[in-house]
Amino acid sequence: QVQLAESGGGLVQAGDSLRLSCAASGMRFSFDAMGWYRQAPGKQRELVAIHLNRANIRYADPVKGRFTISRDTARNTVDLQMNDLKSEATAFYYCTGRFRGRDVWGQGTQVTVSS
């Protein structure tokens, strides 16, 4: 069974940086895409960043210029470097991988940014 496991969440102050990591297990092939979503309390899950290939990376507008997604396609890992964090970044962050149209989700990791 394919599983994704996130790590790196925590409590930080506004302006700090944090790096999230995600690794897949049980996956024999490379994902077609990997990315990060987040869900804040009372809100819908939203895209943070998605990495299809080196030429096709998308970021949500609120994080552009501050967050960077990086991916190791062969190892099926994806990281999210978050700089200059703001309180509105407080959310549960989920890693996702897409393979042949099917999405796999991790269990998530909490990021809390205090102002």
C-alpha atoms as a PDB file:
ATOM      1  CA  GLN A   1       0.000   0.000   0.000  1.00  0.00           C
ATOM      2  CA  VAL A   2       1.308   3.428  -0.927  1.00  0.00           C
ATOM      3  CA  GLN A   3       1.676   5.833   1.964  1.00  0.00           C
ATOM      4  CA  LEU A   4       2.931   9.378   2.374  1.00  0.00           C
ATOM      5  CA  ALA A   5       4.419  10.635   5.607  1.00  0.00           C
ATOM      6  CA  GLU A   6       4.955  14.299   6.405  1.00  0.00           C
ATOM      7  CA  SER A   7       7.370  15.743   8.931  1.00  0.00           C
ATOM      8  CA  GLY A   8       8.691  19.114   9.987  1.00  0.00           C
ATOM      9  CA  GLY A   9       5.633  20.901  11.278  1.00  0.00           C
ATOM     10  CA  GLY A  10       5.653  22.860  14.499  1.00  0.00           C
ATOM     11  CA  LEU A  11       5.104  26.125  16.283  1.00  0.00           C
ATOM     12  CA  VAL A  12       7.029  29.132  15.028  1.00  0.00           C
ATOM     13  CA  GLN A  13       6.784  32.892  15.234  1.00  0.00           C
ATOM     14  CA  ALA A  14       5.783  35.206  12.423  1.00  0.00           C
ATOM     15  CA  GLY A  15       8.730  35.859  10.170  1.00  0.00           C
ATOM     16  CA  ASP A  16      10.386  32.520  10.925  1.00  0.00           C
ATOM     17  CA  SER A  17      11.107  29.741   8.455  1.00  0.00           C
ATOM     18  CA  LEU A  18      10.062  26.110   8.493  1.00  0.00           C
ATOM     19  CA  ARG A  19      10.738  23.183   6.202  1.00  0.00           C
ATOM     20  CA  LEU A  20       8.236  20.400   5.649  1.00  0.00           C
ATOM     21  CA  SER A  21       9.255  17.064   4.218  1.00  0.00           C
ATOM     22  CA  CYS A  22       7.255  14.220   2.764  1.00  0.00           C
ATOM     23  CA  ALA A  23       8.364  10.735   1.821  1.00  0.00           C
ATOM     24  CA  ALA A  24       6.491   7.937   0.106  1.00  0.00           C
ATOM     25  CA  SER A  25       6.634   4.274   0.957  1.00  0.00           C
ATOM     26  CA  GLY A  26       5.326   1.301  -0.934  1.00  0.00           C
ATOM     27  CA  MET A  27       5.486   3.125  -4.280  1.00  0.00           C
ATOM     28  CA  ARG A  28       7.308   1.327  -7.084  1.00  0.00           C
ATOM     29  CA  PHE A  29       6.948   4.127  -9.630  1.00  0.00           C
ATOM     30  CA  SER A  30       7.536   7.849  -9.618  1.00  0.00           C
ATOM     31  CA  PHE A  31       4.506   9.983  -8.963  1.00  0.00           C
ATOM     32  CA  ASP A  32       3.300  12.075 -11.890  1.00  0.00           C
ATOM     33  CA  ALA A  33       3.063  15.040  -9.531  1.00  0.00           C
ATOM     34  CA  MET A  34       3.615  15.803  -5.871  1.00  0.00           C
ATOM     35  CA  GLY A  35       2.549  18.766  -3.856  1.00  0.00           C
ATOM     36  CA  TRP A  36       1.314  20.373  -0.690  1.00  0.00           C
ATOM     37  CA  TYR A  37      -2.130  21.459   0.415  1.00  0.00           C
ATOM     38  CA  ARG A  38      -3.237  23.028   3.659  1.00  0.00           C
ATOM     39  CA  GLN A  39      -6.407  23.305   5.642  1.00  0.00           C
ATOM     40  CA  ALA A  40      -7.002  25.965   8.261  1.00  0.00           C
ATOM     41  CA  PRO A  41      -9.713  25.575  10.913  1.00  0.00           C
ATOM     42  CA  GLY A  42     -13.130  26.215   9.422  1.00  0.00           C
ATOM     43  CA  LYS A  43     -11.782  26.481   5.885  1.00  0.00           C
ATOM     44  CA  GLN A  44     -11.555  24.205   2.887  1.00  0.00           C
ATOM     45  CA  ARG A  45      -8.358  22.453   1.928  1.00  0.00           C
ATOM     46  CA  GLU A  46      -6.417  24.605  -0.513  1.00  0.00           C
ATOM     47  CA  LEU A  47      -3.440  24.193  -2.776  1.00  0.00           C
ATOM     48  CA  VAL A  48      -0.128  25.539  -1.523  1.00  0.00           C
ATOM     49  CA  ALA A  49       2.264  24.295  -4.206  1.00  0.00           C
ATOM     50  CA  ILE A  50       2.348  21.551  -6.805  1.00  0.00           C
ATOM     51  CA  HIS A  51       5.361  20.146  -8.645  1.00  0.00           C
ATOM     52  CA  LEU A  52       4.697  18.345 -11.909  1.00  0.00           C
ATOM     53  CA  ASN A  53       8.194  18.686 -13.322  1.00  0.00           C
ATOM     54  CA  ARG A  54      10.998  21.227 -13.234  1.00  0.00           C
ATOM     55  CA  ALA A  55       9.271  23.343 -15.852  1.00  0.00           C
ATOM     56  CA  ASN A  56       5.818  23.101 -14.319  1.00  0.00           C
ATOM     57  CA  ILE A  57       5.583  24.245 -10.729  1.00  0.00           C
ATOM     58  CA  ARG A  58       2.644  26.209  -9.375  1.00  0.00           C
ATOM     59  CA  TYR A  59       2.199  28.166  -6.185  1.00  0.00           C
ATOM     60  CA  ALA A  60      -0.825  29.667  -4.543  1.00  0.00           C
ATOM     61  CA  ASP A  61      -0.721  33.448  -4.772  1.00  0.00           C
ATOM     62  CA  PRO A  62      -0.398  34.031  -0.990  1.00  0.00           C
ATOM     63  CA  VAL A  63       2.849  32.034  -0.819  1.00  0.00           C
ATOM     64  CA  LYS A  64       4.577  33.094  -4.017  1.00  0.00           C
ATOM     65  CA  GLY A  65       8.067  34.380  -3.368  1.00  0.00           C
ATOM     66  CA  ARG A  66       8.189  32.959   0.156  1.00  0.00           C
ATOM     67  CA  PHE A  67       7.582  29.231  -0.247  1.00  0.00           C
ATOM     68  CA  THR A  68       9.653  26.887  -2.392  1.00  0.00           C
ATOM     69  CA  ILE A  69       8.727  23.337  -3.316  1.00  0.00           C
ATOM     70  CA  SER A  70      11.415  20.840  -4.217  1.00  0.00           C
ATOM     71  CA  ARG A  71      11.040  17.275  -5.268  1.00  0.00           C
ATOM     72  CA  ASP A  72      13.165  14.180  -5.771  1.00  0.00           C
ATOM     73  CA  THR A  73      11.290  12.298  -8.442  1.00  0.00           C
ATOM     74  CA  ALA A  74      13.315   9.103  -8.141  1.00  0.00           C
ATOM     75  CA  ARG A  75      12.909   8.908  -4.363  1.00  0.00           C
ATOM     76  CA  ASN A  76       9.315  10.172  -4.324  1.00  0.00           C
ATOM     77  CA  THR A  77      10.026  12.854  -1.787  1.00  0.00           C
ATOM     78  CA  VAL A  78       8.835  16.437  -1.743  1.00  0.00           C
ATOM     79  CA  ASP A  79       9.816  19.296   0.529  1.00  0.00           C
ATOM     80  CA  LEU A  80       8.285  22.674   1.183  1.00  0.00           C
ATOM     81  CA  GLN A  81      10.550  25.452   2.368  1.00  0.00           C
ATOM     82  CA  MET A  82       8.467  28.167   3.984  1.00  0.00           C
ATOM     83  CA  ASN A  83      10.085  31.513   4.678  1.00  0.00           C
ATOM     84  CA  ASP A  84       8.755  34.659   6.285  1.00  0.00           C
ATOM     85  CA  LEU A  85       5.800  32.809   7.715  1.00  0.00           C
ATOM     86  CA  LYS A  86       2.665  34.741   8.515  1.00  0.00           C
ATOM     87  CA  SER A  87      -0.054  33.919  11.015  1.00  0.00           C
ATOM     88  CA  GLU A  88      -2.454  33.087   8.183  1.00  0.00           C
ATOM     89  CA  ALA A  89      -0.194  30.167   7.287  1.00  0.00           C
ATOM     90  CA  THR A  90      -1.422  28.366  10.395  1.00  0.00           C
ATOM     91  CA  ALA A  91      -3.000  25.167   9.126  1.00  0.00           C
ATOM     92  CA  PHE A  92      -2.685  21.450   8.789  1.00  0.00           C
ATOM     93  CA  TYR A  93      -0.377  20.751   5.840  1.00  0.00           C
ATOM     94  CA  TYR A  94      -0.898  17.702   3.680  1.00  0.00           C
ATOM     95  CA  CYS A  95       1.438  16.101   1.205  1.00  0.00           C
ATOM     96  CA  THR A  96      -0.094  14.567  -1.893  1.00  0.00           C
ATOM     97  CA  GLY A  97       1.083  12.458  -4.778  1.00  0.00           C
ATOM     98  CA  ARG A  98      -0.765  11.816  -8.040  1.00  0.00           C
ATOM     99  CA  PHE A  99      -0.251   8.714 -10.126  1.00  0.00           C
ATOM    100  CA  ARG A 100      -2.315   7.893 -13.213  1.00  0.00           C
ATOM    101  CA  GLY A 101      -5.102  10.171 -12.055  1.00  0.00           C
ATOM    102  CA  ARG A 102      -5.307   8.838  -8.510  1.00  0.00           C
ATOM    103  CA  ASP A 103      -4.297  10.926  -5.503  1.00  0.00           C
ATOM    104  CA  VAL A 104      -2.590   9.681  -2.380  1.00  0.00           C
ATOM    105  CA  TRP A 105      -2.618  11.834   0.753  1.00  0.00           C
ATOM    106  CA  GLY A 106      -0.499  11.920   3.843  1.00  0.00           C
ATOM    107  CA  GLN A 107      -1.948  12.287   7.319  1.00  0.00           C
ATOM    108  CA  GLY A 108      -0.767  15.858   7.595  1.00  0.00           C
ATOM    109  CA  THR A 109       1.404  17.923   9.871  1.00  0.00           C
ATOM    110  CA  GLN A 110       0.395  20.945  11.910  1.00  0.00           C
ATOM    111  CA  VAL A 111       2.019  24.308  11.314  1.00  0.00           C
ATOM    112  CA  THR A 112       1.218  27.059  13.779  1.00  0.00           C
ATOM    113  CA  VAL A 113       2.515  30.581  13.325  1.00  0.00           C
ATOM    114  CA  SER A 114       2.180  32.897  16.286  1.00  0.00           C
ATOM    115  CA  SER A 115       2.046  36.624  15.681  1.00  0.00           C
END
